[in-house]
């Protein structure tokens, strides 16, 4: 083999080499996309937890001023009443106007970063001396069931991704 033939052979890639390189690029792209989706989900969970803590803080300030939490009744209610909670100077305890959803009936609700309503119960069942606040989390379901409205059993379920203001066991 002369010099010209060896240079000519070294300049080409075989089909197998190209397929291997494309496969490696595809695998790396898949890992990158999966990682980005996980980071995005974690960021949304963090945002939902921040929203929840803002709601808890607003209700705690309300309770400190008036001596009681707003009553929710026997069943959990979507967090809509909180937007109308104001102190004696008409200053709202909570200003989350960007996180409000209005349904077809004109009811407004505070929603988490996944678009699920926050729910409120006073007195709480999980925090018996305080209040319970939670949302369905990333899967949009309460507890490990397929329900889109919470019940006490689903809220107490520890096998789920719900965002809550109580510690899970």
Foldseek 3Di string as FASTA:
>chain_A
DDPVVVVVVVVDDDPVVVVVVVVVVVVVVVVVVVVVVVVVQVVLLVQQLVVVVLLQQLQVVVCVQPVFGDADPPDKDFPQCQQCDAPPVRHRSDDDVVQWDADPVRGIGGAGSLRWTKIKHPPDPQNNVRIKIKTQGNVCDQAPDNDNGDDPVSPLHPPGGIRIPDDHD
